Amino acid sequence: MADDSQHVRRRSGIYGGTFDPFHNGHLSVALAALTELNLDRVLIMPAATPPHKALGTTTSWRHRLAMIRLALASRADDPRIGRLVLSTLESELPPPSYTCNTLRFLQQREEDEFFFILGVDAFLEITGWEEYDKIFQRVNIVISPRIGYDNKRMEKLIYSLGYTQNDNKWSHPQKKDIFMLKCEPPFISSSDIKEAVHGGGSGKKLSSSFLAVSVLAYIRENGLYLD
């Protein structure tokens, strides 16, 4: 008979976002979290209906999924890439795609130890999210640094939420831990990518600095970001 006391929960990252498009910066964050926190997998979870975006301003779900698949396939030579898993969970849930609802539904299906990954800019806005306090109770938070952001603002917010620093993380008696990634990803803006595509930017420049070649080709073939 199996000894349930020896059961070890899978460590899963959740990396959500609009991903419009999914670029090299996103990929760097997912791989850094995977490595630094010794995760078993990272779920790449595009928002089906982003609550902070005006209706009709986000590229279709179908196109965003296709670009993520292409981006992951472009790094097939990286032995870690198989542990980045595209999740379409949010397409199963009623809109809009509130993080609190996604986490609640996911934890009803899985018993993993979850690590919610987000950029420092998004973290600084988290107190404006729907039921934000429950997010800290449900999952560990993993913050990705970003060039140009003042960490003092981030730390002030963390302390205001009742956390104390404990070695390489912040802890709270009633909430999950908060971690900060050491690896600072390259600064890549989705807005800059859209502007470069719209303005006929160099395909070579975009593919080498911002996007996988296959993703840029998909953007051009489908006429994305031209409006």
Protein backbone atom coordinates (compact mmCIF):
# COMPACT_ATOMS: atom_id res chain seq x y z
CA MET A 1 0.00 0.00 0.00
CA ALA A 2 1.31 3.46 -0.90
CA ASP A 3 2.34 5.73 1.94
CA ASP A 4 0.46 9.02 1.42
CA SER A 5 2.76 10.74 3.91
CA GLN A 6 5.54 10.51 1.33
CA HIS A 7 3.51 12.34 -1.32
CA VAL A 8 5.33 15.42 -2.57
CA ARG A 9 3.25 18.10 -4.21
CA ARG A 10 4.27 19.28 -7.66
CA ARG A 11 5.70 22.80 -7.76
CA SER A 12 3.93 24.71 -10.51
CA GLY A 13 4.41 28.25 -11.70
CA ILE A 14 1.50 30.22 -13.15
CA TYR A 15 2.53 32.91 -15.61
CA GLY A 16 -0.44 34.88 -16.81
CA GLY A 17 -0.80 37.89 -19.04
CA THR A 18 -2.31 39.23 -22.21
CA PHE A 19 0.78 38.05 -24.15
CA ASP A 20 -0.05 40.25 -27.14
CA PRO A 21 2.36 39.15 -28.47
CA PHE A 22 4.34 36.59 -26.43
CA HIS A 23 7.95 37.80 -26.77
CA ASN A 24 11.49 36.94 -25.68
CA GLY A 25 11.10 38.87 -22.43
CA HIS A 26 8.13 36.70 -21.42
CA LEU A 27 10.11 33.59 -22.28
CA SER A 28 13.07 34.76 -20.19
CA VAL A 29 10.86 35.33 -17.14
CA ALA A 30 9.24 31.89 -17.39
CA LEU A 31 12.60 30.12 -17.73
CA ALA A 32 14.16 32.13 -14.88
CA ALA A 33 11.30 31.24 -12.53
CA LEU A 34 11.53 27.60 -13.56
CA THR A 35 15.24 27.47 -12.76
CA GLU A 36 15.56 29.74 -9.72
CA LEU A 37 12.59 28.28 -7.82
CA ASN A 38 13.19 24.70 -8.93
CA LEU A 39 9.70 24.40 -10.37
CA ASP A 40 8.43 21.24 -12.00
CA ARG A 41 6.59 23.26 -14.63
CA VAL A 42 5.37 26.73 -15.50
CA LEU A 43 1.86 27.14 -16.90
CA ILE A 44 1.84 29.85 -19.57
CA MET A 45 -1.70 31.13 -19.11
CA PRO A 46 -2.91 33.84 -21.51
CA ALA A 47 -5.87 35.91 -20.32
CA ALA A 48 -8.91 35.02 -22.41
CA THR A 49 -10.71 38.30 -21.65
CA PRO A 50 -8.30 40.72 -19.92
CA PRO A 51 -10.34 42.87 -17.49
CA HIS A 52 -8.03 45.88 -17.88
CA LYS A 53 -8.24 46.00 -21.68
CA ALA A 54 -11.00 47.75 -23.62
CA LEU A 55 -13.24 45.38 -25.58
CA GLY A 56 -11.88 44.75 -29.06
CA THR A 57 -8.37 46.09 -28.41
CA THR A 58 -6.73 42.73 -27.75
CA THR A 59 -5.62 40.41 -30.54
CA SER A 60 -7.87 37.36 -30.85
CA TRP A 61 -7.42 34.38 -28.52
CA ARG A 62 -6.63 32.14 -31.50
CA HIS A 63 -3.75 34.32 -32.70
CA ARG A 64 -2.28 34.78 -29.23
CA LEU A 65 -2.28 31.03 -28.61
CA ALA A 66 -0.64 30.38 -31.97
CA MET A 67 2.15 32.86 -31.23
CA ILE A 68 2.86 31.27 -27.83
CA ARG A 69 3.09 27.82 -29.41
CA LEU A 70 5.50 29.12 -32.04
CA ALA A 71 7.64 30.88 -29.43
CA LEU A 72 7.95 27.72 -27.34
CA ALA A 73 8.70 25.57 -30.39
CA SER A 74 11.47 27.98 -31.41
CA ARG A 75 13.38 27.04 -28.26
CA ALA A 76 13.10 23.28 -28.68
CA ASP A 77 16.86 22.96 -28.18
CA ASP A 78 16.56 24.16 -24.56
CA PRO A 79 16.10 21.10 -22.29
CA ARG A 80 13.84 23.14 -19.99
CA ILE A 81 11.33 24.11 -22.65
CA GLY A 82 9.18 21.00 -22.19
CA ARG A 83 8.40 22.21 -18.66
CA LEU A 84 6.74 25.35 -20.02
CA VAL A 85 3.14 24.29 -20.61
CA LEU A 86 0.56 26.35 -22.49
CA SER A 87 -2.69 26.44 -20.50
CA THR A 88 -6.04 27.42 -22.06
CA LEU A 89 -7.83 27.30 -18.71
CA GLU A 90 -9.12 30.86 -18.84
CA SER A 91 -11.09 30.11 -22.01
CA GLU A 92 -13.19 27.73 -19.88
CA LEU A 93 -14.15 30.39 -17.33
CA PRO A 94 -16.75 33.17 -17.55
CA PRO A 95 -15.36 36.59 -18.52
CA PRO A 96 -13.62 38.73 -17.54
CA SER A 97 -10.40 36.83 -16.68
CA TYR A 98 -9.97 37.76 -13.03
CA THR A 99 -6.89 36.15 -11.47
CA CYS A 100 -8.74 35.34 -8.24
CA ASN A 101 -11.31 33.27 -10.15
CA THR A 102 -8.66 31.49 -12.21
CA LEU A 103 -6.69 30.50 -9.11
CA ARG A 104 -9.82 29.31 -7.30
CA PHE A 105 -10.80 27.10 -10.22
CA LEU A 106 -7.27 25.78 -10.75
CA GLN A 107 -6.86 24.81 -7.11
CA GLN A 108 -10.11 22.88 -7.22
CA ARG A 109 -8.55 20.68 -9.93
CA GLU A 110 -4.91 20.48 -8.84
CA GLU A 111 -3.12 19.92 -5.52
CA ASP A 112 0.12 21.59 -6.60
CA GLU A 113 2.13 24.14 -4.66
CA PHE A 114 1.52 27.19 -6.87
CA PHE A 115 3.80 30.13 -7.62
CA PHE A 116 2.12 33.08 -9.34
CA ILE A 117 4.62 34.94 -11.56
CA LEU A 118 4.22 38.60 -12.50
CA GLY A 119 6.33 41.60 -13.38
CA VAL A 120 7.13 44.26 -10.79
CA ASP A 121 5.02 46.80 -12.70
CA ALA A 122 1.96 44.53 -12.41
CA PHE A 123 2.72 43.79 -8.76
CA LEU A 124 2.67 47.51 -7.94
CA GLU A 125 -0.94 47.59 -9.21
CA ILE A 126 -2.10 44.41 -7.48
CA THR A 127 -4.09 46.11 -4.72
CA GLY A 128 -6.49 47.28 -7.45
CA TRP A 129 -7.19 43.70 -8.59
CA GLU A 130 -10.41 41.85 -7.85
CA GLU A 131 -10.19 40.15 -4.41
CA TYR A 132 -6.44 40.77 -4.42
CA ASP A 133 -5.95 39.78 -0.78
CA LYS A 134 -7.15 36.24 -1.49
CA ILE A 135 -4.42 35.86 -4.12
CA PHE A 136 -1.77 36.21 -1.39
CA GLN A 137 -3.59 33.59 0.68
CA ARG A 138 -3.80 31.08 -2.17
CA VAL A 139 -0.43 31.17 -3.92
CA ASN A 140 3.20 32.17 -3.53
CA ILE A 141 4.01 35.36 -5.42
CA VAL A 142 7.06 35.56 -7.69
CA ILE A 143 8.07 39.04 -8.83
CA SER A 144 10.16 39.57 -11.95
CA PRO A 145 12.39 42.68 -11.81
CA ARG A 146 12.40 45.22 -14.58
CA ILE A 147 14.98 47.77 -15.67
CA GLY A 148 14.08 51.27 -14.53
CA TYR A 149 11.75 50.30 -11.67
CA ASP A 150 12.55 51.45 -8.13
CA ASN A 151 12.55 48.43 -5.82
CA LYS A 152 11.86 50.71 -2.86
CA ARG A 153 8.26 51.15 -4.06
CA MET A 154 7.89 47.39 -4.32
CA GLU A 155 9.33 46.80 -0.85
CA LYS A 156 7.15 49.52 0.66
CA LEU A 157 4.06 47.80 -0.74
CA ILE A 158 5.19 44.38 0.51
CA TYR A 159 5.76 45.68 4.03
CA SER A 160 2.42 47.51 3.99
CA LEU A 161 0.75 44.14 3.33
CA GLY A 162 2.22 42.81 6.59
CA TYR A 163 5.19 40.87 5.25
CA THR A 164 8.67 40.68 6.76
CA GLN A 165 11.86 39.82 4.90
CA ASN A 166 13.27 36.38 5.59
CA ASP A 167 16.51 35.57 3.74
CA ASN A 168 15.63 35.45 0.02
CA LYS A 169 11.88 35.88 0.44
CA TRP A 170 9.17 37.78 2.32
CA SER A 171 6.96 35.90 4.78
CA HIS A 172 3.56 36.46 6.40
CA PRO A 173 1.91 34.41 9.19
CA GLN A 174 -1.38 33.99 7.29
CA LYS A 175 -0.29 34.26 3.67
CA LYS A 176 1.98 32.53 1.19
CA ASP A 177 5.52 33.73 0.54
CA ILE A 178 6.74 36.40 -1.87
CA PHE A 179 9.91 35.80 -3.92
CA MET A 180 11.95 38.11 -6.16
CA LEU A 181 13.70 36.64 -9.18
CA LYS A 182 17.43 37.34 -9.37
CA CYS A 183 17.55 37.25 -13.15
CA GLU A 184 16.55 40.57 -14.70
CA PRO A 185 14.94 39.85 -18.10
CA PRO A 186 15.64 42.03 -21.12
CA PHE A 187 13.35 45.04 -21.30
CA ILE A 188 10.93 44.35 -24.14
CA SER A 189 7.66 46.19 -24.56
CA SER A 190 4.71 44.71 -26.42
CA SER A 191 3.76 48.27 -27.39
CA ASP A 192 7.19 48.80 -28.96
CA ILE A 193 6.82 45.57 -30.93
CA LYS A 194 3.41 46.65 -32.26
CA GLU A 195 4.74 50.06 -33.22
CA ALA A 196 7.74 48.53 -35.02
CA VAL A 197 5.52 46.11 -36.95
CA HIS A 198 3.03 48.85 -37.80
CA GLY A 199 5.85 51.10 -39.00
CA GLY A 200 7.48 48.41 -41.12
CA GLY A 201 10.38 47.84 -38.71
CA SER A 202 13.27 45.61 -39.70
CA GLY A 203 12.33 41.94 -39.51
CA LYS A 204 15.90 41.06 -38.61
CA LYS A 205 15.96 43.53 -35.72
CA LEU A 206 12.61 42.42 -34.35
CA SER A 207 13.30 38.71 -34.59
CA SER A 208 16.72 38.85 -32.95
CA SER A 209 15.91 41.32 -30.18
CA PHE A 210 12.23 40.93 -29.44
CA LEU A 211 10.61 37.90 -31.04
CA ALA A 212 11.20 34.41 -32.33
CA VAL A 213 11.56 34.48 -36.13
CA SER A 214 8.53 32.22 -36.47
CA VAL A 215 6.38 34.57 -34.34
CA LEU A 216 7.34 37.59 -36.41
CA ALA A 217 6.56 35.65 -39.60
CA TYR A 218 3.14 34.74 -38.17
CA ILE A 219 2.44 38.39 -37.32
CA ARG A 220 3.25 39.47 -40.85
CA GLU A 221 1.40 36.59 -42.55
CA ASN A 222 -1.78 37.35 -40.60
CA GLY A 223 -1.54 41.14 -40.81
CA LEU A 224 -1.49 41.66 -37.04
CA TYR A 225 -0.79 45.03 -35.41
CA LEU A 226 -1.29 47.04 -38.57
CA ASP A 227 -4.21 49.11 -37.27
